[in-house]
N, C-alpha and C. Protein backbone atom coordinates (compact mmCIF):
# COMPACT_ATOMS: atom_id res chain seq x y z
N MET A 1 31.76 20.79 31.43
CA MET A 1 32.16 19.86 30.39
C MET A 1 33.28 20.50 29.57
N VAL A 2 34.32 19.74 29.30
CA VAL A 2 35.48 20.21 28.55
C VAL A 2 35.19 20.10 27.06
N GLU A 3 35.68 21.07 26.31
CA GLU A 3 35.52 21.01 24.85
C GLU A 3 36.45 19.94 24.28
N PHE A 4 35.93 19.11 23.40
CA PHE A 4 36.72 18.07 22.75
C PHE A 4 36.60 18.21 21.25
N ASP A 5 37.56 17.66 20.59
CA ASP A 5 37.58 17.65 19.13
C ASP A 5 36.39 16.86 18.61
N ARG A 6 35.63 17.46 17.70
CA ARG A 6 34.47 16.77 17.12
C ARG A 6 34.87 15.49 16.40
N ASN A 7 36.05 15.48 15.82
CA ASN A 7 36.51 14.26 15.14
C ASN A 7 36.67 13.12 16.13
N LEU A 8 37.18 13.41 17.32
CA LEU A 8 37.33 12.38 18.34
C LEU A 8 35.97 11.82 18.73
N ILE A 9 34.99 12.69 18.91
CA ILE A 9 33.65 12.24 19.27
C ILE A 9 33.06 11.37 18.17
N GLN A 10 33.20 11.80 16.92
CA GLN A 10 32.70 11.01 15.79
C GLN A 10 33.39 9.64 15.72
N GLU A 11 34.70 9.62 15.95
CA GLU A 11 35.44 8.37 15.91
C GLU A 11 34.99 7.43 17.03
N LEU A 12 34.78 7.97 18.22
CA LEU A 12 34.33 7.14 19.33
C LEU A 12 32.92 6.60 19.09
N MET A 13 32.03 7.43 18.56
CA MET A 13 30.68 6.97 18.25
C MET A 13 30.72 5.82 17.24
N SER A 14 31.54 5.99 16.23
CA SER A 14 31.68 4.96 15.20
C SER A 14 32.29 3.69 15.79
N ALA A 15 33.30 3.85 16.64
CA ALA A 15 33.96 2.69 17.23
C ALA A 15 33.02 1.90 18.13
N VAL A 16 32.18 2.61 18.89
CA VAL A 16 31.19 1.92 19.74
C VAL A 16 30.27 1.09 18.86
N GLN A 17 29.73 1.69 17.82
CA GLN A 17 28.77 0.99 16.97
C GLN A 17 29.42 -0.18 16.24
N LYS A 18 30.60 0.01 15.70
CA LYS A 18 31.28 -1.09 15.00
C LYS A 18 31.62 -2.23 15.94
N SER A 19 32.05 -1.89 17.16
CA SER A 19 32.39 -2.93 18.14
C SER A 19 31.15 -3.75 18.51
N ILE A 20 30.03 -3.07 18.69
CA ILE A 20 28.79 -3.79 19.01
C ILE A 20 28.39 -4.69 17.86
N ARG A 21 28.46 -4.18 16.64
CA ARG A 21 28.10 -4.98 15.47
C ARG A 21 28.98 -6.22 15.33
N ARG A 22 30.25 -6.09 15.70
CA ARG A 22 31.20 -7.20 15.57
C ARG A 22 31.23 -8.11 16.79
N GLY A 23 30.44 -7.77 17.81
CA GLY A 23 30.40 -8.60 19.02
C GLY A 23 31.63 -8.45 19.89
N LEU A 24 32.31 -7.33 19.79
CA LEU A 24 33.51 -7.09 20.58
C LEU A 24 33.12 -6.31 21.84
N GLU A 25 32.68 -7.05 22.84
CA GLU A 25 32.13 -6.43 24.05
C GLU A 25 33.15 -5.54 24.77
N TYR A 26 34.37 -6.03 24.94
CA TYR A 26 35.39 -5.25 25.65
C TYR A 26 35.64 -3.94 24.93
N ASP A 27 35.81 -4.00 23.61
CA ASP A 27 36.07 -2.78 22.84
C ASP A 27 34.89 -1.82 22.91
N ALA A 28 33.67 -2.36 22.81
CA ALA A 28 32.48 -1.51 22.90
C ALA A 28 32.42 -0.80 24.24
N CYS A 29 32.73 -1.52 25.30
CA CYS A 29 32.74 -0.91 26.64
C CYS A 29 33.84 0.15 26.74
N HIS A 30 35.01 -0.17 26.23
CA HIS A 30 36.14 0.77 26.28
C HIS A 30 35.77 2.08 25.58
N PHE A 31 35.31 1.99 24.35
CA PHE A 31 34.96 3.20 23.60
C PHE A 31 33.74 3.90 24.19
N GLY A 32 32.80 3.12 24.71
CA GLY A 32 31.63 3.70 25.35
C GLY A 32 32.00 4.50 26.59
N ILE A 33 32.91 3.98 27.39
CA ILE A 33 33.36 4.70 28.58
C ILE A 33 34.08 5.98 28.20
N ARG A 34 34.91 5.91 27.18
CA ARG A 34 35.60 7.13 26.71
C ARG A 34 34.61 8.19 26.27
N LEU A 35 33.58 7.76 25.53
CA LEU A 35 32.56 8.68 25.04
C LEU A 35 31.74 9.23 26.21
N GLU A 36 31.44 8.39 27.18
CA GLU A 36 30.67 8.82 28.34
C GLU A 36 31.43 9.87 29.14
N GLU A 37 32.75 9.74 29.21
CA GLU A 37 33.57 10.73 29.92
C GLU A 37 33.50 12.10 29.24
N ILE A 38 33.38 12.09 27.93
CA ILE A 38 33.32 13.35 27.17
C ILE A 38 31.92 13.94 27.22
N ASN A 39 30.91 13.12 26.90
CA ASN A 39 29.53 13.62 26.87
C ASN A 39 28.56 12.44 26.97
N PRO A 40 28.01 12.19 28.15
CA PRO A 40 27.10 11.06 28.34
C PRO A 40 25.87 11.11 27.44
N LYS A 41 25.39 12.30 27.16
CA LYS A 41 24.19 12.43 26.33
C LYS A 41 24.43 11.87 24.93
N ILE A 42 25.60 12.15 24.38
CA ILE A 42 25.94 11.63 23.05
C ILE A 42 25.99 10.11 23.08
N LEU A 43 26.59 9.55 24.13
CA LEU A 43 26.66 8.08 24.24
C LEU A 43 25.26 7.47 24.28
N TRP A 44 24.38 7.99 25.13
CA TRP A 44 23.05 7.42 25.25
C TRP A 44 22.23 7.61 23.98
N ASN A 45 22.41 8.73 23.30
CA ASN A 45 21.71 8.91 22.01
C ASN A 45 22.21 7.89 20.99
N ARG A 46 23.52 7.64 20.98
CA ARG A 46 24.09 6.66 20.04
C ARG A 46 23.58 5.27 20.38
N LEU A 47 23.53 4.92 21.67
CA LEU A 47 23.03 3.60 22.07
C LEU A 47 21.56 3.42 21.68
N THR A 48 20.79 4.50 21.74
CA THR A 48 19.39 4.45 21.32
C THR A 48 19.29 4.11 19.84
N VAL A 49 20.12 4.75 19.04
CA VAL A 49 20.13 4.49 17.59
C VAL A 49 20.57 3.05 17.31
N ILE A 50 21.63 2.62 17.97
CA ILE A 50 22.13 1.25 17.77
C ILE A 50 21.06 0.23 18.16
N ALA A 51 20.39 0.47 19.28
CA ALA A 51 19.36 -0.46 19.74
C ALA A 51 18.22 -0.56 18.74
N SER A 52 17.89 0.54 18.12
CA SER A 52 16.78 0.54 17.15
C SER A 52 17.19 -0.05 15.80
N GLU A 53 18.35 0.37 15.31
CA GLU A 53 18.75 -0.03 13.95
C GLU A 53 19.43 -1.39 13.88
N ASP A 54 20.31 -1.67 14.83
CA ASP A 54 21.14 -2.88 14.73
C ASP A 54 20.61 -4.05 15.55
N ILE A 55 20.09 -3.77 16.72
CA ILE A 55 19.70 -4.85 17.63
C ILE A 55 18.20 -5.08 17.60
N GLY A 56 17.44 -4.03 17.43
CA GLY A 56 15.98 -4.10 17.46
C GLY A 56 15.35 -5.19 16.63
N PRO A 57 15.78 -5.38 15.38
CA PRO A 57 15.15 -6.44 14.58
C PRO A 57 15.31 -7.84 15.19
N ALA A 58 16.43 -8.10 15.85
CA ALA A 58 16.66 -9.41 16.46
C ALA A 58 16.08 -9.49 17.88
N PHE A 59 16.03 -8.36 18.56
CA PHE A 59 15.55 -8.31 19.95
C PHE A 59 14.71 -7.05 20.12
N PRO A 60 13.42 -7.13 19.77
CA PRO A 60 12.57 -5.95 19.73
C PRO A 60 12.44 -5.18 21.05
N MET A 61 12.73 -5.80 22.18
CA MET A 61 12.62 -5.12 23.46
C MET A 61 13.85 -4.24 23.77
N MET A 62 14.91 -4.38 22.99
CA MET A 62 16.14 -3.65 23.27
C MET A 62 15.97 -2.12 23.25
N PRO A 63 15.28 -1.53 22.27
CA PRO A 63 15.11 -0.07 22.31
C PRO A 63 14.40 0.40 23.59
N LEU A 64 13.42 -0.36 24.06
CA LEU A 64 12.72 -0.01 25.29
C LEU A 64 13.67 -0.14 26.49
N LEU A 65 14.46 -1.18 26.51
CA LEU A 65 15.42 -1.37 27.60
C LEU A 65 16.44 -0.23 27.65
N ILE A 66 16.98 0.14 26.51
CA ILE A 66 17.96 1.23 26.45
C ILE A 66 17.32 2.54 26.90
N GLU A 67 16.10 2.80 26.48
CA GLU A 67 15.42 4.03 26.88
C GLU A 67 15.20 4.06 28.40
N THR A 68 14.85 2.93 28.98
CA THR A 68 14.66 2.84 30.43
C THR A 68 15.98 3.08 31.15
N LEU A 69 17.06 2.45 30.68
CA LEU A 69 18.37 2.65 31.31
C LEU A 69 18.85 4.09 31.17
N LYS A 70 18.58 4.68 30.02
CA LYS A 70 18.95 6.09 29.79
C LYS A 70 18.24 6.99 30.79
N THR A 71 16.96 6.78 30.97
CA THR A 71 16.18 7.57 31.92
C THR A 71 16.72 7.41 33.33
N GLN A 72 17.01 6.19 33.73
CA GLN A 72 17.55 5.94 35.06
C GLN A 72 18.92 6.59 35.23
N TYR A 73 19.75 6.53 34.22
CA TYR A 73 21.09 7.11 34.28
C TYR A 73 21.01 8.61 34.56
N PHE A 74 20.16 9.30 33.84
CA PHE A 74 20.09 10.76 33.99
C PHE A 74 19.31 11.17 35.25
N GLU A 75 18.47 10.32 35.76
CA GLU A 75 17.76 10.64 37.01
C GLU A 75 18.67 10.52 38.22
N THR A 76 19.72 9.72 38.13
CA THR A 76 20.62 9.52 39.27
C THR A 76 21.81 10.46 39.27
N GLU A 77 21.90 11.33 38.29
CA GLU A 77 23.03 12.28 38.22
C GLU A 77 22.95 13.31 39.29
């Protein structure tokens, strides 16, 4: 894994979350892919938080779905 600027990682994490909150699917995917290229673990941890805090109240199964997808992602590496 290549070392990246922590500010870039923080900006990407924030951009993913803001894009999801605003319903900007393309932007969320774009920033998510960039973050995944740098560190997939950070992306999946951020998605877990977003699923719990932002989406969970409206769709309670989302945190479970994200956790299942996260497990599958890391098992296929």
